[in-house]
Amino acid sequence: MTADSELFNRYGFYVDPKANKLEIKEAVESTYGVSVEKVRTMNYGPNRKTRYTKTGIQHGKTNALKKAIVDVAEGDIIDFYSNI
């Protein structure tokens, strides 16, 4: 994502799995003060794991994730490191 942000003005975010593209666009525009041209999303399912313990087989999983790649208008920049 660092190379994409430098070359193509794209930024990646982890978002709420229930959020749609319009909600993501409005949130990024209001938070960072930029104009968003395009939003692409990716849904990742949970990773399932099985462990063998002395109490038996334990099944578990991680949480599902959703990533958003946001294309920002030409000339706009999101600076994540300005508040550090």
PDB file of N, CA and C in Angstrom:
ATOM      1  N   MET A   1       0.820  -1.195   0.000  1.00  0.00           N
ATOM      2  CA  MET A   1       0.000   0.000   0.000  1.00  0.00           C
ATOM      3  C   MET A   1       0.860   1.253   0.000  1.00  0.00           C
ATOM      4  N   THR A   2       2.068   1.187   0.519  1.00  0.00           N
ATOM      5  CA  THR A   2       2.926   2.365   0.507  1.00  0.00           C
ATOM      6  C   THR A   2       3.287   2.744  -0.926  1.00  0.00           C
ATOM      7  N   ALA A   3       3.607   1.762  -1.742  1.00  0.00           N
ATOM      8  CA  ALA A   3       3.935   2.039  -3.139  1.00  0.00           C
ATOM      9  C   ALA A   3       2.710   2.563  -3.886  1.00  0.00           C
ATOM     10  N   ASP A   4       1.538   1.997  -3.624  1.00  0.00           N
ATOM     11  CA  ASP A   4       0.314   2.479  -4.267  1.00  0.00           C
ATOM     12  C   ASP A   4       0.002   3.910  -3.876  1.00  0.00           C
ATOM     13  N   SER A   5       0.220   4.252  -2.600  1.00  0.00           N
ATOM     14  CA  SER A   5      -0.086   5.616  -2.168  1.00  0.00           C
ATOM     15  C   SER A   5       0.869   6.619  -2.800  1.00  0.00           C
ATOM     16  N   GLU A   6       2.113   6.227  -3.009  1.00  0.00           N
ATOM     17  CA  GLU A   6       3.072   7.143  -3.616  1.00  0.00           C
ATOM     18  C   GLU A   6       2.882   7.268  -5.122  1.00  0.00           C
ATOM     19  N   LEU A   7       2.576   6.158  -5.795  1.00  0.00           N
ATOM     20  CA  LEU A   7       2.487   6.181  -7.245  1.00  0.00           C
ATOM     21  C   LEU A   7       1.093   6.524  -7.767  1.00  0.00           C
ATOM     22  N   PHE A   8       0.053   5.964  -7.159  1.00  0.00           N
ATOM     23  CA  PHE A   8      -1.286   6.073  -7.722  1.00  0.00           C
ATOM     24  C   PHE A   8      -2.270   6.827  -6.835  1.00  0.00           C
ATOM     25  N   ASN A   9      -1.827   7.373  -5.713  1.00  0.00           N
ATOM     26  CA  ASN A   9      -2.696   8.119  -4.788  1.00  0.00           C
ATOM     27  C   ASN A   9      -3.827   7.237  -4.255  1.00  0.00           C
ATOM     28  N   ARG A  10      -3.481   5.991  -3.860  1.00  0.00           N
ATOM     29  CA  ARG A  10      -4.435   5.044  -3.281  1.00  0.00           C
ATOM     30  C   ARG A  10      -4.036   4.768  -1.839  1.00  0.00           C
ATOM     31  N   TYR A  11      -5.023   4.608  -0.988  1.00  0.00           N
ATOM     32  CA  TYR A  11      -4.768   4.347   0.429  1.00  0.00           C
ATOM     33  C   TYR A  11      -5.634   3.181   0.878  1.00  0.00           C
ATOM     34  N   GLY A  12      -5.101   2.366   1.780  1.00  0.00           N
ATOM     35  CA  GLY A  12      -5.817   1.196   2.269  1.00  0.00           C
ATOM     36  C   GLY A  12      -6.228   1.360   3.713  1.00  0.00           C
ATOM     37  N   PHE A  13      -7.412   0.865   4.039  1.00  0.00           N
ATOM     38  CA  PHE A  13      -7.958   0.949   5.390  1.00  0.00           C
ATOM     39  C   PHE A  13      -8.632  -0.367   5.744  1.00  0.00           C
ATOM     40  N   TYR A  14      -8.578  -0.728   7.013  1.00  0.00           N
ATOM     41  CA  TYR A  14      -9.447  -1.766   7.545  1.00  0.00           C
ATOM     42  C   TYR A  14     -10.742  -1.075   7.946  1.00  0.00           C
ATOM     43  N   VAL A  15     -11.873  -1.600   7.497  1.00  0.00           N
ATOM     44  CA  VAL A  15     -13.164  -0.980   7.777  1.00  0.00           C
ATOM     45  C   VAL A  15     -14.098  -1.998   8.426  1.00  0.00           C
ATOM     46  N   ASP A  16     -15.216  -1.501   8.906  1.00  0.00           N
ATOM     47  CA  ASP A  16     -16.238  -2.356   9.496  1.00  0.00           C
ATOM     48  C   ASP A  16     -16.788  -3.294   8.421  1.00  0.00           C
ATOM     49  N   PRO A  17     -16.888  -4.595   8.702  1.00  0.00           N
ATOM     50  CA  PRO A  17     -17.368  -5.531   7.677  1.00  0.00           C
ATOM     51  C   PRO A  17     -18.781  -5.223   7.167  1.00  0.00           C
ATOM     52  N   LYS A  18     -19.566  -4.472   7.908  1.00  0.00           N
ATOM     53  CA  LYS A  18     -20.926  -4.145   7.478  1.00  0.00           C
ATOM     54  C   LYS A  18     -21.005  -2.834   6.697  1.00  0.00           C
ATOM     55  N   ALA A  19     -19.903  -2.091   6.600  1.00  0.00           N
ATOM     56  CA  ALA A  19     -19.916  -0.797   5.920  1.00  0.00           C
ATOM     57  C   ALA A  19     -19.958  -0.983   4.410  1.00  0.00           C
ATOM     58  N   ASN A  20     -20.720  -0.118   3.733  1.00  0.00           N
ATOM     59  CA  ASN A  20     -20.746  -0.166   2.273  1.00  0.00           C
ATOM     60  C   ASN A  20     -19.841   0.927   1.710  1.00  0.00           C
ATOM     61  N   LYS A  21     -19.737   0.983   0.391  1.00  0.00           N
ATOM     62  CA  LYS A  21     -18.783   1.888  -0.246  1.00  0.00           C
ATOM     63  C   LYS A  21     -19.131   3.360  -0.019  1.00  0.00           C
ATOM     64  N   LEU A  22     -20.411   3.686  -0.003  1.00  0.00           N
ATOM     65  CA  LEU A  22     -20.807   5.076   0.226  1.00  0.00           C
ATOM     66  C   LEU A  22     -20.449   5.531   1.640  1.00  0.00           C
ATOM     67  N   GLU A  23     -20.657   4.671   2.616  1.00  0.00           N
ATOM     68  CA  GLU A  23     -20.305   5.012   3.996  1.00  0.00           C
ATOM     69  C   GLU A  23     -18.794   5.183   4.150  1.00  0.00           C
ATOM     70  N   ILE A  24     -18.024   4.330   3.495  1.00  0.00           N
ATOM     71  CA  ILE A  24     -16.563   4.430   3.559  1.00  0.00           C
ATOM     72  C   ILE A  24     -16.106   5.735   2.922  1.00  0.00           C
ATOM     73  N   LYS A  25     -16.682   6.081   1.784  1.00  0.00           N
ATOM     74  CA  LYS A  25     -16.320   7.317   1.089  1.00  0.00           C
ATOM     75  C   LYS A  25     -16.606   8.535   1.948  1.00  0.00           C
ATOM     76  N   GLU A  26     -17.780   8.594   2.561  1.00  0.00           N
ATOM     77  CA  GLU A  26     -18.143   9.732   3.406  1.00  0.00           C
ATOM     78  C   GLU A  26     -17.240   9.830   4.626  1.00  0.00           C
ATOM     79  N   ALA A  27     -16.893   8.692   5.214  1.00  0.00           N
ATOM     80  CA  ALA A  27     -16.053   8.704   6.415  1.00  0.00           C
ATOM     81  C   ALA A  27     -14.640   9.199   6.100  1.00  0.00           C
ATOM     82  N   VAL A  28     -14.061   8.751   4.987  1.00  0.00           N
ATOM     83  CA  VAL A  28     -12.704   9.174   4.622  1.00  0.00           C
ATOM     84  C   VAL A  28     -12.692  10.661   4.267  1.00  0.00           C
ATOM     85  N   GLU A  29     -13.718  11.109   3.538  1.00  0.00           N
ATOM     86  CA  GLU A  29     -13.772  12.520   3.163  1.00  0.00           C
ATOM     87  C   GLU A  29     -13.922  13.426   4.371  1.00  0.00           C
ATOM     88  N   SER A  30     -14.745  13.032   5.334  1.00  0.00           N
ATOM     89  CA  SER A  30     -14.939  13.884   6.506  1.00  0.00           C
ATOM     90  C   SER A  30     -13.756  13.825   7.470  1.00  0.00           C
ATOM     91  N   THR A  31     -13.101  12.676   7.570  1.00  0.00           N
ATOM     92  CA  THR A  31     -11.993  12.535   8.511  1.00  0.00           C
ATOM     93  C   THR A  31     -10.731  13.225   8.019  1.00  0.00           C
ATOM     94  N   TYR A  32     -10.395  13.029   6.743  1.00  0.00           N
ATOM     95  CA  TYR A  32      -9.111  13.516   6.226  1.00  0.00           C
ATOM     96  C   TYR A  32      -9.233  14.758   5.350  1.00  0.00           C
ATOM     97  N   GLY A  33     -10.445  15.204   5.020  1.00  0.00           N
ATOM     98  CA  GLY A  33     -10.636  16.410   4.239  1.00  0.00           C
ATOM     99  C   GLY A  33     -10.158  16.294   2.806  1.00  0.00           C
ATOM    100  N   VAL A  34     -10.340  15.143   2.196  1.00  0.00           N
ATOM    101  CA  VAL A  34      -9.945  14.922   0.802  1.00  0.00           C
ATOM    102  C   VAL A  34     -11.187  14.528   0.007  1.00  0.00           C
ATOM    103  N   SER A  35     -11.086  14.564  -1.311  1.00  0.00           N
ATOM    104  CA  SER A  35     -12.193  14.106  -2.143  1.00  0.00           C
ATOM    105  C   SER A  35     -11.852  12.730  -2.706  1.00  0.00           C
ATOM    106  N   VAL A  36     -12.748  11.785  -2.508  1.00  0.00           N
ATOM    107  CA  VAL A  36     -12.543  10.391  -2.893  1.00  0.00           C
ATOM    108  C   VAL A  36     -13.172  10.163  -4.264  1.00  0.00           C
ATOM    109  N   GLU A  37     -12.415   9.557  -5.167  1.00  0.00           N
ATOM    110  CA  GLU A  37     -12.927   9.264  -6.500  1.00  0.00           C
ATOM    111  C   GLU A  37     -13.496   7.855  -6.610  1.00  0.00           C
ATOM    112  N   LYS A  38     -12.840   6.872  -5.965  1.00  0.00           N
ATOM    113  CA  LYS A  38     -13.243   5.476  -6.141  1.00  0.00           C
ATOM    114  C   LYS A  38     -12.951   4.699  -4.868  1.00  0.00           C
ATOM    115  N   VAL A  39     -13.821   3.760  -4.541  1.00  0.00           N
ATOM    116  CA  VAL A  39     -13.636   2.889  -3.376  1.00  0.00           C
ATOM    117  C   VAL A  39     -13.775   1.449  -3.844  1.00  0.00           C
ATOM    118  N   ARG A  40     -12.788   0.621  -3.506  1.00  0.00           N
ATOM    119  CA  ARG A  40     -12.848  -0.808  -3.787  1.00  0.00           C
ATOM    120  C   ARG A  40     -12.741  -1.546  -2.459  1.00  0.00           C
ATOM    121  N   THR A  41     -13.484  -2.632  -2.305  1.00  0.00           N
ATOM    122  CA  THR A  41     -13.499  -3.371  -1.042  1.00  0.00           C
ATOM    123  C   THR A  41     -13.132  -4.824  -1.267  1.00  0.00           C
ATOM    124  N   MET A  42     -12.581  -5.425  -0.211  1.00  0.00           N
ATOM    125  CA  MET A  42     -12.225  -6.843  -0.215  1.00  0.00           C
ATOM    126  C   MET A  42     -12.678  -7.452   1.100  1.00  0.00           C
ATOM    127  N   ASN A  43     -13.379  -8.554   1.030  1.00  0.00           N
ATOM    128  CA  ASN A  43     -13.807  -9.269   2.226  1.00  0.00           C
ATOM    129  C   ASN A  43     -12.901 -10.470   2.452  1.00  0.00           C
ATOM    130  N   TYR A  44     -12.423 -10.597   3.668  1.00  0.00           N
ATOM    131  CA  TYR A  44     -11.590 -11.727   4.052  1.00  0.00           C
ATOM    132  C   TYR A  44     -12.344 -12.532   5.103  1.00  0.00           C
ATOM    133  N   GLY A  45     -12.489 -13.818   4.873  1.00  0.00           N
ATOM    134  CA  GLY A  45     -13.150 -14.685   5.829  1.00  0.00           C
ATOM    135  C   GLY A  45     -12.250 -14.999   7.003  1.00  0.00           C
ATOM    136  N   PRO A  46     -12.808 -15.601   8.032  1.00  0.00           N
ATOM    137  CA  PRO A  46     -11.996 -15.934   9.209  1.00  0.00           C
ATOM    138  C   PRO A  46     -11.043 -17.089   8.943  1.00  0.00           C
ATOM    139  N   ASN A  47      -9.898 -17.047   9.610  1.00  0.00           N
ATOM    140  CA  ASN A  47      -8.954 -18.167   9.554  1.00  0.00           C
ATOM    141  C   ASN A  47      -9.338 -19.178  10.619  1.00  0.00           C
ATOM    142  N   ARG A  48      -9.514 -20.424  10.228  1.00  0.00           N
ATOM    143  CA  ARG A  48      -9.924 -21.468  11.167  1.00  0.00           C
ATOM    144  C   ARG A  48      -8.711 -22.270  11.609  1.00  0.00           C
ATOM    145  N   LYS A  49      -8.672 -22.586  12.896  1.00  0.00           N
ATOM    146  CA  LYS A  49      -7.553 -23.328  13.466  1.00  0.00           C
ATOM    147  C   LYS A  49      -8.087 -24.448  14.338  1.00  0.00           C
ATOM    148  N   THR A  50      -7.337 -25.546  14.378  1.00  0.00           N
ATOM    149  CA  THR A  50      -7.656 -26.671  15.252  1.00  0.00           C
ATOM    150  C   THR A  50      -6.424 -26.985  16.073  1.00  0.00           C
ATOM    151  N   ARG A  51      -6.634 -27.146  17.383  1.00  0.00           N
ATOM    152  CA  ARG A  51      -5.529 -27.441  18.283  1.00  0.00           C
ATOM    153  C   ARG A  51      -5.831 -28.717  19.063  1.00  0.00           C
ATOM    154  N   TYR A  52      -4.811 -29.534  19.236  1.00  0.00           N
ATOM    155  CA  TYR A  52      -4.964 -30.757  20.027  1.00  0.00           C
ATOM    156  C   TYR A  52      -4.399 -30.506  21.409  1.00  0.00           C
ATOM    157  N   THR A  53      -5.263 -30.552  22.422  1.00  0.00           N
ATOM    158  CA  THR A  53      -4.826 -30.334  23.800  1.00  0.00           C
ATOM    159  C   THR A  53      -5.168 -31.563  24.635  1.00  0.00           C
ATOM    160  N   LYS A  54      -4.744 -31.538  25.890  1.00  0.00           N
ATOM    161  CA  LYS A  54      -5.031 -32.694  26.740  1.00  0.00           C
ATOM    162  C   LYS A  54      -6.512 -32.784  27.109  1.00  0.00           C
ATOM    163  N   THR A  55      -7.277 -31.693  26.905  1.00  0.00           N
ATOM    164  CA  THR A  55      -8.712 -31.745  27.165  1.00  0.00           C
ATOM    165  C   THR A  55      -9.505 -32.111  25.919  1.00  0.00           C
ATOM    166  N   GLY A  56      -8.812 -32.305  24.796  1.00  0.00           N
ATOM    167  CA  GLY A  56      -9.493 -32.679  23.565  1.00  0.00           C
ATOM    168  C   GLY A  56      -9.166 -31.719  22.440  1.00  0.00           C
ATOM    169  N   ILE A  57      -9.914 -31.829  21.381  1.00  0.00           N
ATOM    170  CA  ILE A  57      -9.695 -30.978  20.202  1.00  0.00           C
ATOM    171  C   ILE A  57     -10.407 -29.643  20.411  1.00  0.00           C
ATOM    172  N   GLN A  58      -9.665 -28.550  20.221  1.00  0.00           N
ATOM    173  CA  GLN A  58     -10.219 -27.209  20.351  1.00  0.00           C
ATOM    174  C   GLN A  58     -10.293 -26.566  18.968  1.00  0.00           C
ATOM    175  N   HIS A  59     -11.472 -26.087  18.601  1.00  0.00           N
ATOM    176  CA  HIS A  59     -11.672 -25.408  17.327  1.00  0.00           C
ATOM    177  C   HIS A  59     -11.801 -23.916  17.597  1.00  0.00           C
ATOM    178  N   GLY A  60     -11.201 -23.111  16.731  1.00  0.00           N
ATOM    179  CA  GLY A  60     -11.308 -21.667  16.881  1.00  0.00           C
ATOM    180  C   GLY A  60     -11.199 -20.982  15.534  1.00  0.00           C
ATOM    181  N   LYS A  61     -11.487 -19.689  15.545  1.00  0.00           N
ATOM    182  CA  LYS A  61     -11.366 -18.909  14.320  1.00  0.00           C
ATOM    183  C   LYS A  61     -11.095 -17.460  14.670  1.00  0.00           C
ATOM    184  N   THR A  62     -10.520 -16.741  13.720  1.00  0.00           N
ATOM    185  CA  THR A  62     -10.299 -15.311  13.890  1.00  0.00           C
ATOM    186  C   THR A  62     -11.509 -14.559  13.352  1.00  0.00           C
ATOM    187  N   ASN A  63     -11.524 -13.259  13.524  1.00  0.00           N
ATOM    188  CA  ASN A  63     -12.630 -12.447  13.041  1.00  0.00           C
ATOM    189  C   ASN A  63     -12.513 -12.218  11.534  1.00  0.00           C
ATOM    190  N   ALA A  64     -13.649 -12.036  10.887  1.00  0.00           N
ATOM    191  CA  ALA A  64     -13.656 -11.687   9.471  1.00  0.00           C
ATOM    192  C   ALA A  64     -13.225 -10.233   9.321  1.00  0.00           C
ATOM    193  N   LEU A  65     -12.519  -9.932   8.227  1.00  0.00           N
ATOM    194  CA  LEU A  65     -12.011  -8.589   7.986  1.00  0.00           C
ATOM    195  C   LEU A  65     -12.545  -8.041   6.675  1.00  0.00           C
ATOM    196  N   LYS A  66     -12.581  -6.722   6.584  1.00  0.00           N
ATOM    197  CA  LYS A  66     -12.908  -6.061   5.330  1.00  0.00           C
ATOM    198  C   LYS A  66     -11.896  -4.948   5.113  1.00  0.00           C
ATOM    199  N   LYS A  67     -11.280  -4.928   3.932  1.00  0.00           N
ATOM    200  CA  LYS A  67     -10.320  -3.890   3.585  1.00  0.00           C
ATOM    201  C   LYS A  67     -10.928  -3.015   2.496  1.00  0.00           C
ATOM    202  N   ALA A  68     -10.584  -1.735   2.533  1.00  0.00           N
ATOM    203  CA  ALA A  68     -11.030  -0.807   1.498  1.00  0.00           C
ATOM    204  C   ALA A  68      -9.817  -0.116   0.904  1.00  0.00           C
ATOM    205  N   ILE A  69      -9.765  -0.045  -0.411  1.00  0.00           N
ATOM    206  CA  ILE A  69      -8.738   0.720  -1.106  1.00  0.00           C
ATOM    207  C   ILE A  69      -9.436   1.943  -1.688  1.00  0.00           C
ATOM    208  N   VAL A  70      -8.959   3.117  -1.275  1.00  0.00           N
ATOM    209  CA  VAL A  70      -9.604   4.375  -1.618  1.00  0.00           C
ATOM    210  C   VAL A  70      -8.709   5.145  -2.575  1.00  0.00           C
ATOM    211  N   ASP A  71      -9.245   5.514  -3.739  1.00  0.00           N
ATOM    212  CA  ASP A  71      -8.536   6.372  -4.689  1.00  0.00           C
ATOM    213  C   ASP A  71      -8.894   7.812  -4.373  1.00  0.00           C
ATOM    214  N   VAL A  72      -7.867   8.635  -4.127  1.00  0.00           N
ATOM    215  CA  VAL A  72      -8.063  10.036  -3.767  1.00  0.00           C
ATOM    216  C   VAL A  72      -7.839  10.879  -5.015  1.00  0.00           C
ATOM    217  N   ALA A  73      -8.521  12.026  -5.090  1.00  0.00           N
ATOM    218  CA  ALA A  73      -8.419  12.905  -6.254  1.00  0.00           C
ATOM    219  C   ALA A  73      -6.989  13.401  -6.441  1.00  0.00           C
ATOM    220  N   GLU A  74      -6.666  13.766  -7.667  1.00  0.00           N
ATOM    221  CA  GLU A  74      -5.334  14.262  -8.016  1.00  0.00           C
ATOM    222  C   GLU A  74      -5.015  15.514  -7.209  1.00  0.00           C
ATOM    223  N   GLY A  75      -3.858  15.515  -6.576  1.00  0.00           N
ATOM    224  CA  GLY A  75      -3.434  16.665  -5.780  1.00  0.00           C
ATOM    225  C   GLY A  75      -3.760  16.556  -4.296  1.00  0.00           C
ATOM    226  N   ASP A  76      -4.678  15.685  -3.914  1.00  0.00           N
ATOM    227  CA  ASP A  76      -4.999  15.477  -2.497  1.00  0.00           C
ATOM    228  C   ASP A  76      -4.069  14.430  -1.915  1.00  0.00           C
ATOM    229  N   ILE A  77      -3.729  14.598  -0.637  1.00  0.00           N
ATOM    230  CA  ILE A  77      -2.820  13.677   0.052  1.00  0.00           C
ATOM    231  C   ILE A  77      -3.358  13.419   1.454  1.00  0.00           C
ATOM    232  N   ILE A  78      -3.258  12.190   1.908  1.00  0.00           N
ATOM    233  CA  ILE A  78      -3.553  11.837   3.293  1.00  0.00           C
ATOM    234  C   ILE A  78      -2.218  11.626   3.991  1.00  0.00           C
ATOM    235  N   ASP A  79      -1.947  12.432   5.014  1.00  0.00           N
ATOM    236  CA  ASP A  79      -0.677  12.333   5.739  1.00  0.00           C
ATOM    237  C   ASP A  79      -0.948  11.678   7.083  1.00  0.00           C
ATOM    238  N   PHE A  80      -0.597  10.400   7.197  1.00  0.00           N
ATOM    239  CA  PHE A  80      -0.851   9.652   8.430  1.00  0.00           C
ATOM    240  C   PHE A  80       0.140  10.020   9.529  1.00  0.00           C
ATOM    241  N   TYR A  81       1.295  10.532   9.172  1.00  0.00           N
ATOM    242  CA  TYR A  81       2.368  10.742  10.150  1.00  0.00           C
ATOM    243  C   TYR A  81       2.453  12.175  10.642  1.00  0.00           C
ATOM    244  N   SER A  82       1.506  13.037  10.320  1.00  0.00           N
ATOM    245  CA  SER A  82       1.590  14.424  10.752  1.00  0.00           C
ATOM    246  C   SER A  82       1.258  14.593  12.235  1.00  0.00           C
ATOM    247  N   ASN A  83       0.503  13.664  12.821  1.00  0.00           N
ATOM    248  CA  ASN A  83       0.077  13.795  14.221  1.00  0.00           C
ATOM    249  C   ASN A  83       1.055  13.166  15.203  1.00  0.00           C
ATOM    250  N   ILE A  84       2.117  12.536  14.705  1.00  0.00           N
ATOM    251  CA  ILE A  84       3.064  11.851  15.600  1.00  0.00           C
ATOM    252  C   ILE A  84       4.004  12.848  16.212  1.00  0.00           C
TER     253      ILE A  84
END
